[in-house]
Amino acid sequence: MDARGIKYFAVPNGFVGGGRNRFAGINKLKREGMRNGAPDLVLITLTEDARPVAVEMKTTEKSSVQSQDQIDIEEEMVCNGWVYILGRGADDAISKIESVLGVK
């Protein structure tokens, strides 16, 4: 996406590792604003009609589904004018991102 001029950032939404400091790490992320279900990527590049874009990444496996928290956030974002993309693998996500941004 960088090569196409699409600006984005990843949301650090959950990996804190294992061990005895795991719960301390989770609590720190929650205090910093982590929310269950947050999308994996947020695009800085807006759509042509100035809408923000969020991307949730899933694998191509049929068993890879959104959690209820992810569904709830998707609904909130869409109700507030966001474009929400569910990408099944990198190629699918990039194709959908290019489509909504009008980029090729």
N, C-alpha and C. Protein backbone atom coordinates (compact mmCIF):
# COMPACT_ATOMS: atom_id res chain seq x y z
N MET A 1 0.82 -1.19 0.00
CA MET A 1 0.00 0.00 0.00
C MET A 1 0.86 1.25 0.00
N ASP A 2 2.01 1.17 0.63
CA ASP A 2 2.91 2.32 0.64
C ASP A 2 3.28 2.74 -0.78
N ALA A 3 3.54 1.77 -1.65
CA ALA A 3 3.93 2.05 -3.02
C ALA A 3 2.81 2.72 -3.81
N ARG A 4 1.58 2.53 -3.36
CA ARG A 4 0.43 3.12 -4.05
C ARG A 4 0.04 4.48 -3.45
N GLY A 5 0.80 4.92 -2.45
CA GLY A 5 0.52 6.21 -1.82
C GLY A 5 -0.60 6.16 -0.80
N ILE A 6 -0.97 4.98 -0.37
CA ILE A 6 -2.03 4.83 0.63
C ILE A 6 -1.38 4.88 2.01
N LYS A 7 -1.79 5.84 2.80
CA LYS A 7 -1.22 6.02 4.13
C LYS A 7 -2.12 5.34 5.16
N TYR A 8 -1.50 4.65 6.11
CA TYR A 8 -2.26 3.89 7.10
C TYR A 8 -1.42 3.66 8.34
N PHE A 9 -2.07 3.15 9.38
CA PHE A 9 -1.33 2.67 10.54
C PHE A 9 -2.07 1.47 11.12
N ALA A 10 -1.32 0.63 11.80
CA ALA A 10 -1.89 -0.55 12.45
C ALA A 10 -2.32 -0.18 13.87
N VAL A 11 -3.38 -0.80 14.31
CA VAL A 11 -3.88 -0.61 15.66
C VAL A 11 -3.30 -1.72 16.53
N PRO A 12 -2.51 -1.37 17.54
CA PRO A 12 -1.94 -2.41 18.41
C PRO A 12 -3.01 -2.92 19.37
N ASN A 13 -3.81 -3.84 18.87
CA ASN A 13 -5.00 -4.21 19.62
C ASN A 13 -4.94 -5.58 20.26
N GLY A 14 -3.94 -5.79 21.06
CA GLY A 14 -4.06 -6.96 21.86
C GLY A 14 -2.88 -7.82 22.17
N PHE A 15 -1.85 -7.88 21.38
CA PHE A 15 -0.79 -8.82 21.72
C PHE A 15 0.06 -8.25 22.84
N VAL A 16 0.09 -8.94 23.95
CA VAL A 16 0.91 -8.51 25.07
C VAL A 16 1.86 -9.61 25.53
N GLY A 17 1.86 -10.72 24.83
CA GLY A 17 2.75 -11.81 25.19
C GLY A 17 2.23 -12.62 26.36
N GLY A 18 3.04 -13.51 26.81
CA GLY A 18 2.64 -14.37 27.92
C GLY A 18 3.42 -14.03 29.17
N GLY A 19 3.41 -14.96 30.08
CA GLY A 19 4.17 -14.77 31.31
C GLY A 19 3.41 -14.03 32.38
N ARG A 20 4.13 -13.72 33.45
CA ARG A 20 3.45 -13.14 34.60
C ARG A 20 3.06 -11.69 34.39
N ASN A 21 3.65 -11.00 33.45
CA ASN A 21 3.29 -9.60 33.22
C ASN A 21 2.18 -9.44 32.19
N ARG A 22 1.60 -10.54 31.73
CA ARG A 22 0.57 -10.49 30.69
C ARG A 22 -0.61 -9.62 31.11
N PHE A 23 -1.14 -9.84 32.32
CA PHE A 23 -2.31 -9.08 32.76
C PHE A 23 -1.98 -7.62 33.00
N ALA A 24 -0.77 -7.34 33.44
CA ALA A 24 -0.34 -5.95 33.59
C ALA A 24 -0.30 -5.28 32.22
N GLY A 25 0.18 -6.01 31.21
CA GLY A 25 0.21 -5.47 29.85
C GLY A 25 -1.18 -5.21 29.31
N ILE A 26 -2.10 -6.13 29.54
CA ILE A 26 -3.49 -5.95 29.09
C ILE A 26 -4.11 -4.74 29.77
N ASN A 27 -3.92 -4.62 31.07
CA ASN A 27 -4.50 -3.48 31.80
C ASN A 27 -3.90 -2.16 31.34
N LYS A 28 -2.61 -2.15 31.03
CA LYS A 28 -1.97 -0.92 30.52
C LYS A 28 -2.59 -0.52 29.19
N LEU A 29 -2.77 -1.49 28.28
CA LEU A 29 -3.38 -1.19 26.98
C LEU A 29 -4.80 -0.68 27.15
N LYS A 30 -5.55 -1.26 28.05
CA LYS A 30 -6.93 -0.79 28.29
C LYS A 30 -6.94 0.64 28.83
N ARG A 31 -6.02 0.95 29.73
CA ARG A 31 -5.94 2.33 30.25
C ARG A 31 -5.58 3.31 29.14
N GLU A 32 -4.82 2.83 28.15
CA GLU A 32 -4.42 3.68 27.03
C GLU A 32 -5.49 3.78 25.95
N GLY A 33 -6.60 3.08 26.15
CA GLY A 33 -7.71 3.21 25.21
C GLY A 33 -7.98 2.00 24.34
N MET A 34 -7.26 0.89 24.56
CA MET A 34 -7.53 -0.30 23.77
C MET A 34 -8.99 -0.72 23.96
N ARG A 35 -9.59 -1.12 22.87
CA ARG A 35 -10.98 -1.57 22.92
C ARG A 35 -11.09 -2.87 22.16
N ASN A 36 -11.73 -3.85 22.78
CA ASN A 36 -11.94 -5.12 22.10
C ASN A 36 -12.71 -4.89 20.81
N GLY A 37 -12.27 -5.53 19.75
CA GLY A 37 -12.97 -5.43 18.48
C GLY A 37 -12.47 -4.33 17.56
N ALA A 38 -11.49 -3.53 18.01
CA ALA A 38 -10.98 -2.45 17.16
C ALA A 38 -10.41 -3.05 15.88
N PRO A 39 -10.59 -2.35 14.74
CA PRO A 39 -10.06 -2.88 13.47
C PRO A 39 -8.54 -2.91 13.47
N ASP A 40 -7.98 -3.70 12.58
CA ASP A 40 -6.53 -3.89 12.52
C ASP A 40 -5.79 -2.72 11.90
N LEU A 41 -6.39 -2.06 10.93
CA LEU A 41 -5.75 -0.94 10.23
C LEU A 41 -6.71 0.25 10.16
N VAL A 42 -6.16 1.43 10.23
CA VAL A 42 -6.90 2.66 9.98
C VAL A 42 -6.17 3.40 8.88
N LEU A 43 -6.90 3.77 7.84
CA LEU A 43 -6.28 4.50 6.73
C LEU A 43 -6.26 5.98 7.05
N ILE A 44 -5.12 6.60 6.80
CA ILE A 44 -5.01 8.05 6.91
C ILE A 44 -5.53 8.68 5.62
N THR A 45 -5.31 7.98 4.52
CA THR A 45 -5.83 8.41 3.23
C THR A 45 -7.35 8.23 3.25
N LEU A 46 -8.09 9.31 2.99
CA LEU A 46 -9.55 9.26 3.00
C LEU A 46 -10.09 8.90 1.63
N THR A 47 -11.35 8.50 1.59
CA THR A 47 -12.01 8.25 0.31
C THR A 47 -12.19 9.58 -0.41
N GLU A 48 -12.59 9.53 -1.68
CA GLU A 48 -12.79 10.76 -2.45
C GLU A 48 -13.84 11.66 -1.84
N ASP A 49 -14.81 11.07 -1.12
CA ASP A 49 -15.83 11.89 -0.46
C ASP A 49 -15.48 12.12 1.03
N ALA A 50 -14.18 12.04 1.34
CA ALA A 50 -13.61 12.38 2.65
C ALA A 50 -14.11 11.50 3.79
N ARG A 51 -14.33 10.23 3.52
CA ARG A 51 -14.73 9.30 4.57
C ARG A 51 -13.51 8.53 5.06
N PRO A 52 -13.42 8.33 6.36
CA PRO A 52 -12.33 7.51 6.90
C PRO A 52 -12.59 6.03 6.65
N VAL A 53 -11.51 5.25 6.64
CA VAL A 53 -11.61 3.83 6.33
C VAL A 53 -10.93 3.00 7.42
N ALA A 54 -11.63 1.95 7.85
CA ALA A 54 -11.09 0.99 8.81
C ALA A 54 -11.04 -0.37 8.12
N VAL A 55 -10.01 -1.16 8.45
CA VAL A 55 -9.84 -2.47 7.83
C VAL A 55 -9.67 -3.53 8.91
N GLU A 56 -10.52 -4.52 8.88
CA GLU A 56 -10.38 -5.69 9.74
C GLU A 56 -9.84 -6.82 8.88
N MET A 57 -8.74 -7.40 9.32
CA MET A 57 -8.10 -8.47 8.56
C MET A 57 -8.49 -9.83 9.14
N LYS A 58 -8.85 -10.73 8.25
CA LYS A 58 -9.12 -12.13 8.59
C LYS A 58 -8.36 -13.00 7.61
N THR A 59 -8.17 -14.25 7.99
CA THR A 59 -7.55 -15.19 7.06
C THR A 59 -8.58 -15.62 6.04
N THR A 60 -8.14 -16.36 5.06
CA THR A 60 -9.06 -16.85 4.04
C THR A 60 -9.81 -18.11 4.50
N GLU A 61 -9.49 -18.59 5.68
CA GLU A 61 -10.16 -19.78 6.21
C GLU A 61 -11.63 -19.47 6.52
N LYS A 62 -12.51 -20.40 6.22
CA LYS A 62 -13.93 -20.21 6.50
C LYS A 62 -14.21 -20.04 7.98
N SER A 63 -13.36 -20.62 8.81
CA SER A 63 -13.56 -20.53 10.26
C SER A 63 -13.16 -19.17 10.84
N SER A 64 -12.53 -18.33 10.04
CA SER A 64 -12.07 -17.02 10.50
C SER A 64 -13.23 -16.03 10.39
N VAL A 65 -13.88 -15.77 11.51
CA VAL A 65 -15.06 -14.90 11.52
C VAL A 65 -14.86 -13.76 12.51
N GLN A 66 -15.64 -12.71 12.35
CA GLN A 66 -15.59 -11.59 13.27
C GLN A 66 -16.18 -11.98 14.63
N SER A 67 -15.57 -11.44 15.68
CA SER A 67 -16.14 -11.61 17.02
C SER A 67 -17.33 -10.65 17.15
N GLN A 68 -18.13 -10.86 18.19
CA GLN A 68 -19.25 -9.94 18.41
C GLN A 68 -18.75 -8.52 18.68
N ASP A 69 -17.62 -8.39 19.38
CA ASP A 69 -17.04 -7.06 19.60
C ASP A 69 -16.68 -6.39 18.27
N GLN A 70 -16.13 -7.15 17.33
CA GLN A 70 -15.77 -6.60 16.03
C GLN A 70 -17.01 -6.20 15.24
N ILE A 71 -18.05 -7.00 15.31
CA ILE A 71 -19.31 -6.67 14.63
C ILE A 71 -19.90 -5.39 15.22
N ASP A 72 -19.87 -5.28 16.55
CA ASP A 72 -20.42 -4.08 17.21
C ASP A 72 -19.65 -2.83 16.79
N ILE A 73 -18.33 -2.91 16.75
CA ILE A 73 -17.53 -1.74 16.34
C ILE A 73 -17.77 -1.41 14.87
N GLU A 74 -17.87 -2.44 14.02
CA GLU A 74 -18.18 -2.20 12.61
C GLU A 74 -19.48 -1.40 12.49
N GLU A 75 -20.51 -1.82 13.20
CA GLU A 75 -21.80 -1.12 13.14
C GLU A 75 -21.68 0.32 13.62
N GLU A 76 -20.95 0.55 14.71
CA GLU A 76 -20.74 1.90 15.22
C GLU A 76 -20.02 2.77 14.20
N MET A 77 -18.98 2.21 13.60
CA MET A 77 -18.19 2.99 12.65
C MET A 77 -19.01 3.33 11.40
N VAL A 78 -19.71 2.36 10.87
CA VAL A 78 -20.51 2.59 9.66
C VAL A 78 -21.61 3.61 9.95
N CYS A 79 -22.24 3.52 11.12
CA CYS A 79 -23.28 4.49 11.49
C CYS A 79 -22.72 5.90 11.62
N ASN A 80 -21.41 6.01 11.84
CA ASN A 80 -20.77 7.32 11.97
C ASN A 80 -20.01 7.74 10.73
N GLY A 81 -20.32 7.11 9.59
CA GLY A 81 -19.78 7.55 8.31
C GLY A 81 -18.51 6.89 7.84
N TRP A 82 -18.00 5.93 8.58
CA TRP A 82 -16.79 5.24 8.17
C TRP A 82 -17.09 4.22 7.08
N VAL A 83 -16.07 3.94 6.28
CA VAL A 83 -16.08 2.78 5.39
C VAL A 83 -15.37 1.67 6.15
N TYR A 84 -15.99 0.52 6.27
CA TYR A 84 -15.41 -0.59 7.02
C TYR A 84 -15.18 -1.73 6.04
N ILE A 85 -13.94 -2.17 5.96
CA ILE A 85 -13.56 -3.24 5.03
C ILE A 85 -13.21 -4.48 5.82
N LEU A 86 -13.78 -5.59 5.43
CA LEU A 86 -13.40 -6.89 5.98
C LEU A 86 -12.57 -7.58 4.91
N GLY A 87 -11.27 -7.65 5.15
CA GLY A 87 -10.36 -8.25 4.18
C GLY A 87 -10.06 -9.70 4.53
N ARG A 88 -10.24 -10.57 3.57
CA ARG A 88 -9.93 -11.99 3.76
C ARG A 88 -8.60 -12.28 3.08
N GLY A 89 -7.52 -12.03 3.81
CA GLY A 89 -6.18 -12.14 3.26
C GLY A 89 -5.73 -10.80 2.70
N ALA A 90 -4.43 -10.65 2.54
CA ALA A 90 -3.86 -9.38 2.10
C ALA A 90 -4.34 -8.95 0.72
N ASP A 91 -4.38 -9.88 -0.24
CA ASP A 91 -4.79 -9.52 -1.60
C ASP A 91 -6.22 -9.00 -1.63
N ASP A 92 -7.12 -9.66 -0.90
CA ASP A 92 -8.52 -9.23 -0.85
C ASP A 92 -8.62 -7.85 -0.20
N ALA A 93 -7.91 -7.65 0.90
CA ALA A 93 -7.96 -6.36 1.58
C ALA A 93 -7.43 -5.24 0.69
N ILE A 94 -6.30 -5.46 0.05
CA ILE A 94 -5.73 -4.43 -0.83
C ILE A 94 -6.67 -4.11 -1.99
N SER A 95 -7.27 -5.13 -2.57
CA SER A 95 -8.21 -4.91 -3.67
C SER A 95 -9.40 -4.06 -3.21
N LYS A 96 -9.94 -4.36 -2.04
CA LYS A 96 -11.08 -3.60 -1.52
C LYS A 96 -10.68 -2.18 -1.15
N ILE A 97 -9.49 -2.01 -0.58
CA ILE A 97 -8.99 -0.68 -0.25
C ILE A 97 -8.82 0.15 -1.51
N GLU A 98 -8.18 -0.43 -2.52
CA GLU A 98 -8.01 0.30 -3.78
C GLU A 98 -9.35 0.68 -4.40
N SER A 99 -10.32 -0.19 -4.27
CA SER A 99 -11.64 0.07 -4.83
C SER A 99 -12.31 1.26 -4.14
N VAL A 100 -12.31 1.27 -2.82
CA VAL A 100 -12.98 2.38 -2.11
C VAL A 100 -12.24 3.69 -2.25
N LEU A 101 -10.92 3.62 -2.47
CA LEU A 101 -10.14 4.85 -2.63
C LEU A 101 -10.02 5.30 -4.08
N GLY A 102 -10.45 4.45 -5.01
CA GLY A 102 -10.33 4.78 -6.42
C GLY A 102 -8.88 4.77 -6.89
N VAL A 103 -8.08 3.87 -6.30
CA VAL A 103 -6.64 3.77 -6.61
C VAL A 103 -6.39 2.47 -7.36
N LYS A 104 -5.46 2.51 -8.28
CA LYS A 104 -5.01 1.26 -8.96
C LYS A 104 -3.54 1.32 -9.21
